[in-house]
Amino acid sequence: MKKLNVFTAVVALTASTGTLALPEQAFDTDGFERVTEYGYGPIASAIITSEFAHQLNVYLHPRNEGDTCQYGNVYAQSTEEHIAHAYISDVQASVAIQQANAEIPEQYLQENKRLRVSCTNTQGEDYDVIVNIPGAPVVDWQISVEPKGGFIHRPNTYGYHSAYEVTSKISVNNQSNGSRCTTLSNRGVELGLFHNEGRVGPFHSDVFMTNITIDNYYAGQPVLYQIIECENAAGKTMAVKVFTLTNPDSIYLVDEDLIVK
């Protein structure tokens, strides 16, 4: 019993001297946007500068000269599961700005995340600075293509459907407000997939419905080829759809892909 009392007294004394004091928390209150500004703590702002979803990069702008960060970790936003260690380094050609880098595994690319960086101000006070990181955009694209004209037969080469009807539904959750979607490639066939436009943004989430008939009589295209891409601060999601137009009996999907990068 005496040993327990001594141990309790030591713990109480250690806590009273501040040795066990936990770091202050500087929370991200700006949602999952590219730029986060902090009202207190050693970091004035954090900017997500990632080019790809699997390579997280965040610039850390100190509040005062001498405020620095030492290390960081990335966690799943919903479960707090540890995802990756973040390495802190100086930004080239900058005296004060630091950056946090982390490799994000494939299974977490579209999951919202939280970067927790351990920093210290010039007074020696420790802070955990939190940066919300959006997952790459979530895109679900349902599309069908049906013949709407005759089939053009040509000697010694492929034939093609003279017209076809496209029905498209694209459901997008960009996971942040400052995001955009665009048609990257269409081989000259404009479908107006985003509310009759080829691009849209900034926006967070939406559903885009399209029903359009394409005249292919003079163009004679052998395929309908469309690539769309949605992008936020932390990554991109690209969707590919290719339909053949050279089968007299039907128009069908020959290739599709969904790439998170």
Protein backbone atom coordinates (compact mmCIF):
# COMPACT_ATOMS: atom_id res chain seq x y z
CA MET A 1 0.00 0.00 0.00
CA LYS A 2 2.87 2.32 0.79
CA LYS A 3 4.41 1.70 -2.65
CA LEU A 4 1.08 2.54 -4.30
CA ASN A 5 0.84 5.80 -2.37
CA VAL A 6 4.37 6.77 -3.39
CA PHE A 7 3.60 6.00 -7.04
CA THR A 8 0.40 8.04 -6.88
CA ALA A 9 2.26 10.96 -5.35
CA VAL A 10 4.92 10.83 -8.07
CA VAL A 11 2.28 10.83 -10.80
CA ALA A 12 0.48 13.75 -9.17
CA LEU A 13 3.73 15.69 -8.81
CA THR A 14 4.73 14.99 -12.42
CA ALA A 15 1.35 16.11 -13.71
CA SER A 16 1.47 19.26 -11.60
CA THR A 17 4.84 20.23 -13.08
CA GLY A 18 3.43 19.96 -16.59
CA THR A 19 5.55 17.01 -17.68
CA LEU A 20 2.48 15.04 -18.72
CA ALA A 21 0.67 17.99 -20.26
CA LEU A 22 -0.94 17.09 -23.58
CA PRO A 23 -0.34 19.25 -26.67
CA GLU A 24 -2.88 21.94 -27.49
CA GLN A 25 -5.17 21.12 -30.42
CA ALA A 26 -5.43 23.41 -33.47
CA PHE A 27 -8.48 22.14 -35.34
CA ASP A 28 -9.39 22.49 -39.01
CA THR A 29 -12.72 24.35 -39.03
CA ASP A 30 -12.73 25.04 -42.78
CA GLY A 31 -14.05 21.63 -43.82
CA PHE A 32 -12.24 19.67 -46.52
CA GLU A 33 -11.06 22.59 -48.62
CA ARG A 34 -7.66 23.28 -50.17
CA VAL A 35 -6.75 26.08 -47.72
CA THR A 36 -7.17 25.99 -43.94
CA GLU A 37 -6.52 29.04 -41.75
CA TYR A 38 -5.91 28.75 -38.01
CA GLY A 39 -6.71 31.43 -35.44
CA TYR A 40 -4.08 30.23 -32.98
CA GLY A 41 -1.09 27.92 -32.69
CA PRO A 42 2.25 27.74 -34.51
CA ILE A 43 0.70 27.23 -37.97
CA ALA A 44 -1.11 30.14 -39.59
CA SER A 45 -2.37 28.20 -42.60
CA ALA A 46 -2.14 24.84 -44.34
CA ILE A 47 -2.51 24.37 -48.10
CA ILE A 48 -3.10 21.02 -49.79
CA THR A 49 -0.79 20.90 -52.83
CA SER A 50 -1.15 17.24 -53.83
CA GLU A 51 -0.94 16.41 -57.53
CA PHE A 52 -2.09 12.83 -57.00
CA ALA A 53 -4.32 11.14 -54.43
CA HIS A 54 -1.68 8.60 -53.44
CA GLN A 55 0.95 11.28 -52.77
CA LEU A 56 -0.32 13.62 -50.07
CA ASN A 57 1.46 16.97 -49.88
CA VAL A 58 0.52 19.82 -47.54
CA TYR A 59 2.33 23.16 -47.17
CA LEU A 60 2.54 24.40 -43.56
CA HIS A 61 2.90 28.18 -43.18
CA PRO A 62 4.24 29.15 -39.71
CA ARG A 63 2.61 31.91 -37.73
CA ASN A 64 5.92 33.31 -36.49
CA GLU A 65 9.55 32.86 -37.39
CA GLY A 66 10.83 29.92 -35.38
CA ASP A 67 7.51 28.06 -35.20
CA THR A 68 8.21 24.57 -36.57
CA CYS A 69 6.71 21.11 -37.05
CA GLN A 70 8.50 17.84 -36.40
CA TYR A 71 6.41 14.88 -37.61
CA GLY A 72 2.90 13.88 -38.61
CA ASN A 73 0.47 11.02 -39.15
CA VAL A 74 -2.52 10.43 -41.39
CA TYR A 75 -5.72 8.87 -40.05
CA ALA A 76 -9.06 7.82 -41.53
CA GLN A 77 -11.62 10.52 -40.76
CA SER A 78 -14.45 8.14 -39.90
CA THR A 79 -12.62 5.44 -37.92
CA GLU A 80 -9.38 7.15 -36.76
CA GLU A 81 -7.49 4.18 -38.22
CA HIS A 82 -3.83 5.00 -38.79
CA ILE A 83 -3.09 5.16 -42.52
CA ALA A 84 0.45 6.49 -42.95
CA HIS A 85 3.30 8.42 -41.41
CA ALA A 86 3.85 11.95 -42.74
CA TYR A 87 7.37 13.26 -43.18
CA ILE A 88 8.11 16.92 -42.52
CA SER A 89 10.67 18.81 -44.60
CA ASP A 90 11.47 22.35 -45.67
CA VAL A 91 9.98 23.64 -48.91
CA GLN A 92 12.73 24.40 -51.39
CA ALA A 93 13.36 28.11 -52.06
CA SER A 94 11.49 29.01 -48.87
CA VAL A 95 13.08 30.06 -45.61
CA ALA A 96 10.18 29.21 -43.31
CA ILE A 97 7.51 27.09 -45.03
CA GLN A 98 7.50 23.37 -44.30
CA GLN A 99 5.66 20.54 -46.02
CA ALA A 100 4.14 17.25 -44.91
CA ASN A 101 4.39 14.29 -47.31
CA ALA A 102 2.76 10.88 -47.05
CA GLU A 103 2.16 7.88 -49.32
CA ILE A 104 -1.53 6.93 -49.24
CA PRO A 105 -2.38 3.25 -49.86
CA GLU A 106 -4.80 2.43 -52.68
CA GLN A 107 -7.69 1.41 -50.44
CA TYR A 108 -7.80 4.85 -48.77
CA LEU A 109 -7.65 7.08 -51.86
CA GLN A 110 -11.37 7.95 -51.82
CA GLU A 111 -11.70 8.08 -48.04
CA ASN A 112 -11.71 11.37 -46.14
CA LYS A 113 -8.62 11.66 -43.98
CA ARG A 114 -7.11 13.71 -41.17
CA LEU A 115 -3.48 14.84 -41.09
CA ARG A 116 -2.22 15.40 -37.55
CA VAL A 117 1.06 17.33 -37.37
CA SER A 118 3.09 17.84 -34.18
CA CYS A 119 4.43 21.40 -34.00
CA THR A 120 6.09 23.73 -31.47
CA ASN A 121 5.94 27.51 -31.20
CA THR A 122 8.77 29.83 -30.21
CA GLN A 123 7.68 29.67 -26.55
CA GLY A 124 8.24 25.91 -26.55
CA GLU A 125 4.51 25.10 -26.45
CA ASP A 126 3.48 21.92 -28.25
CA TYR A 127 0.50 21.74 -30.61
CA ASP A 128 -1.22 19.06 -32.65
CA VAL A 129 -2.32 20.79 -35.85
CA ILE A 130 -5.19 19.05 -37.66
CA VAL A 131 -5.67 19.28 -41.43
CA ASN A 132 -8.76 17.73 -43.05
CA ILE A 133 -7.90 15.92 -46.30
CA PRO A 134 -10.71 15.05 -48.74
CA GLY A 135 -10.77 11.68 -50.42
CA ALA A 136 -10.59 11.70 -54.21
CA PRO A 137 -13.96 12.37 -55.89
CA VAL A 138 -16.50 9.54 -55.96
CA VAL A 139 -17.97 9.17 -59.45
CA ASP A 140 -20.71 6.78 -60.60
CA TRP A 141 -21.44 6.97 -64.34
CA GLN A 142 -24.35 5.06 -65.87
CA ILE A 143 -24.69 5.42 -69.65
CA SER A 144 -26.53 3.64 -72.45
CA VAL A 145 -26.42 4.13 -76.22
CA GLU A 146 -29.16 3.00 -78.62
CA PRO A 147 -29.41 3.15 -82.45
CA LYS A 148 -31.64 5.95 -83.74
CA GLY A 149 -31.04 5.79 -87.48
CA GLY A 150 -30.05 3.43 -90.24
CA PHE A 151 -26.83 1.48 -90.54
CA ILE A 152 -24.47 2.70 -93.24
CA HIS A 153 -22.78 -0.16 -95.10
CA ARG A 154 -19.57 0.70 -96.93
CA PRO A 155 -17.56 -1.58 -99.22
CA ASN A 156 -14.08 -2.67 -98.07
CA THR A 157 -14.31 -0.88 -94.73
CA TYR A 158 -16.39 -0.71 -91.57
CA GLY A 159 -20.01 0.35 -91.52
CA TYR A 160 -21.54 2.54 -88.81
CA HIS A 161 -24.78 3.72 -87.25
CA SER A 162 -25.96 6.99 -88.77
CA ALA A 163 -27.49 8.23 -85.51
CA TYR A 164 -27.69 7.13 -81.89
CA GLU A 165 -29.33 8.19 -78.63
CA VAL A 166 -27.24 8.66 -75.49
CA THR A 167 -28.79 8.46 -72.01
CA SER A 168 -26.35 9.35 -69.25
CA LYS A 169 -26.49 9.76 -65.47
CA ILE A 170 -23.37 10.90 -63.61
CA SER A 171 -23.50 11.00 -59.80
CA VAL A 172 -20.61 12.95 -58.29
CA ASN A 173 -19.52 13.42 -54.68
CA ASN A 174 -16.42 15.59 -54.83
CA GLN A 175 -16.06 15.54 -51.02
CA SER A 176 -15.16 19.25 -50.96
CA ASN A 177 -16.70 22.50 -52.19
CA GLY A 178 -13.93 23.78 -54.46
CA SER A 179 -14.01 20.88 -56.93
CA ARG A 180 -14.54 20.64 -60.68
CA CYS A 181 -15.50 18.10 -63.34
CA THR A 182 -14.70 18.24 -67.04
CA THR A 183 -14.89 16.21 -70.23
CA LEU A 184 -11.25 15.44 -70.98
CA SER A 185 -11.72 13.78 -74.36
CA ASN A 186 -14.64 13.12 -76.69
CA ARG A 187 -13.16 12.92 -80.23
CA GLY A 188 -15.33 15.82 -81.32
CA VAL A 189 -18.65 14.44 -80.06
CA GLU A 190 -20.11 16.91 -77.55
CA LEU A 191 -22.65 15.29 -75.24
CA GLY A 192 -23.03 18.16 -72.73
CA LEU A 193 -22.69 15.69 -69.87
CA PHE A 194 -22.67 18.34 -67.13
CA HIS A 195 -26.00 20.16 -67.41
CA ASN A 196 -25.48 20.63 -71.17
CA GLU A 197 -21.90 21.81 -70.68
CA GLY A 198 -18.52 20.16 -71.06
CA ARG A 199 -17.37 21.23 -67.60
CA VAL A 200 -18.77 22.34 -64.26
CA GLY A 201 -17.55 23.78 -60.98
CA PRO A 202 -16.71 24.61 -58.37
CA PHE A 203 -19.27 22.42 -56.60
CA HIS A 204 -19.50 19.69 -53.97
CA SER A 205 -22.04 17.10 -55.15
CA ASP A 206 -24.58 16.79 -57.94
CA VAL A 207 -26.33 14.42 -60.33
CA PHE A 208 -26.07 15.17 -64.06
CA MET A 209 -28.71 13.77 -66.44
CA THR A 210 -28.31 13.82 -70.21
CA ASN A 211 -30.46 12.56 -73.07
CA ILE A 212 -29.26 13.50 -76.53
CA THR A 213 -29.39 12.16 -80.08
CA ILE A 214 -26.18 12.38 -82.12
CA ASP A 215 -26.17 12.58 -85.92
CA ASN A 216 -23.29 10.41 -87.13
CA TYR A 217 -24.26 10.25 -90.80
CA TYR A 218 -21.51 12.48 -92.20
CA ALA A 219 -18.91 12.05 -89.45
CA GLY A 220 -18.98 8.27 -89.73
CA GLN A 221 -17.36 7.72 -86.34
CA PRO A 222 -16.70 4.02 -85.57
CA VAL A 223 -16.87 4.53 -81.79
CA LEU A 224 -18.34 6.84 -79.16
CA TYR A 225 -15.38 7.71 -76.93
CA GLN A 226 -15.78 9.80 -73.76
CA ILE A 227 -13.48 10.53 -70.81
CA ILE A 228 -14.54 12.64 -67.83
CA GLU A 229 -12.50 13.69 -64.80
CA CYS A 230 -13.44 15.17 -61.44
CA GLU A 231 -10.77 16.84 -59.31
CA ASN A 232 -10.48 18.21 -55.78
CA ALA A 233 -7.54 19.46 -53.73
CA ALA A 234 -6.25 15.98 -52.92
CA GLY A 235 -6.87 13.88 -56.02
CA LYS A 236 -8.61 13.10 -59.29
CA THR A 237 -11.05 10.45 -60.48
CA MET A 238 -11.24 9.69 -64.21
CA ALA A 239 -13.97 7.64 -65.91
CA VAL A 240 -13.72 6.21 -69.44
CA LYS A 241 -16.53 4.88 -71.65
CA VAL A 242 -16.14 3.49 -75.20
CA PHE A 243 -19.01 2.17 -77.35
CA THR A 244 -18.65 0.54 -80.76
CA LEU A 245 -20.83 1.91 -83.56
CA THR A 246 -19.82 -0.63 -86.23
CA ASN A 247 -22.11 -3.55 -85.36
CA PRO A 248 -25.30 -3.49 -87.48
CA ASP A 249 -27.36 -5.21 -84.80
CA SER A 250 -26.58 -3.09 -81.73
CA ILE A 251 -24.40 -0.50 -80.04
CA TYR A 252 -22.56 -1.87 -77.04
CA LEU A 253 -19.88 -1.00 -74.52
CA VAL A 254 -16.42 -2.28 -75.46
CA ASP A 255 -14.31 -0.58 -72.80
CA GLU A 256 -14.78 1.25 -69.51
CA ASP A 257 -12.48 2.22 -66.70
CA LEU A 258 -12.50 4.15 -63.44
CA ILE A 259 -9.11 5.48 -62.40
CA VAL A 260 -8.34 7.22 -59.11
CA LYS A 261 -5.09 9.14 -59.31
